[in-house]
Amino acid sequence: MDTLLKLGWAAGAGGVLLCLLSVAFRLAGMYWIGSFQSGTLLQAGTAAMVLGCFCQLVVPHQRR
């Protein structure tokens, strides 16, 4: 149970950082970050935040 909580926080924080990085590069006019497009990293960040939300939602149901 504690593992899911930590995983949720880590995935959410990593997702936010990926999204911010992607948006910052896109606003600077750079569409490629290494070998990835900035849109791909934005989608990966969104997916990580969704994973974090699912992990956070599972925890209260396991505590009952």
Protein backbone atom coordinates (compact mmCIF):
# COMPACT_ATOMS: atom_id res chain seq x y z
CA MET A 1 0.00 0.00 0.00
CA ASP A 2 2.80 2.39 0.89
CA THR A 3 4.59 1.41 -2.32
CA LEU A 4 1.64 2.52 -4.47
CA LEU A 5 1.50 5.83 -2.66
CA LYS A 6 5.20 6.49 -3.29
CA LEU A 7 4.90 5.31 -6.89
CA GLY A 8 1.96 7.65 -7.41
CA TRP A 9 3.87 10.64 -6.09
CA ALA A 10 6.98 9.80 -8.11
CA ALA A 11 5.07 9.21 -11.34
CA GLY A 12 3.07 12.40 -10.88
CA ALA A 13 6.11 14.53 -10.13
CA GLY A 14 8.05 13.02 -13.03
CA GLY A 15 5.11 13.61 -15.34
CA VAL A 16 4.83 17.25 -14.33
CA LEU A 17 8.55 17.75 -14.93
CA LEU A 18 8.34 16.09 -18.36
CA CYS A 19 5.39 18.27 -19.33
CA LEU A 20 7.10 21.46 -18.15
CA LEU A 21 10.29 20.54 -19.99
CA SER A 22 8.38 19.80 -23.16
CA VAL A 23 6.40 23.05 -23.03
CA ALA A 24 9.52 25.09 -22.28
CA PHE A 25 11.35 23.65 -25.29
CA ARG A 26 8.31 24.12 -27.51
CA LEU A 27 7.93 27.77 -26.48
CA ALA A 28 11.62 28.31 -27.17
CA GLY A 29 11.04 27.12 -30.74
CA MET A 30 12.78 23.77 -30.38
CA TYR A 31 10.66 20.90 -31.61
CA TRP A 32 13.23 18.18 -30.94
CA ILE A 33 14.70 17.30 -27.54
CA GLY A 34 17.51 14.89 -28.24
CA SER A 35 15.95 12.32 -30.56
CA PHE A 36 12.38 12.86 -29.32
CA GLN A 37 9.80 15.35 -30.50
CA SER A 38 8.55 17.68 -27.79
CA GLY A 39 4.98 16.46 -28.38
CA THR A 40 6.07 12.91 -27.62
CA LEU A 41 7.54 13.99 -24.29
CA LEU A 42 4.35 15.91 -23.52
CA GLN A 43 2.33 12.73 -24.08
CA ALA A 44 4.75 10.72 -21.93
CA GLY A 45 4.42 13.29 -19.16
CA THR A 46 0.64 13.16 -19.37
CA ALA A 47 0.71 9.36 -19.24
CA ALA A 48 2.97 9.47 -16.17
CA MET A 49 0.58 11.86 -14.41
CA VAL A 50 -2.36 9.59 -15.22
CA LEU A 51 -0.44 6.62 -13.81
CA GLY A 52 0.25 8.63 -10.67
CA CYS A 53 -3.45 9.48 -10.33
CA PHE A 54 -4.48 5.83 -10.70
CA CYS A 55 -1.96 4.77 -8.06
CA GLN A 56 -3.26 7.46 -5.70
CA LEU A 57 -6.85 6.37 -6.29
CA VAL A 58 -6.13 2.73 -5.49
CA VAL A 59 -4.67 3.47 -2.06
CA PRO A 60 -7.93 4.53 -0.29
CA HIS A 61 -9.72 1.43 -1.59
CA GLN A 62 -7.02 -0.85 -0.20
CA ARG A 63 -7.24 0.71 3.26
CA ARG A 64 -10.89 -0.30 3.78
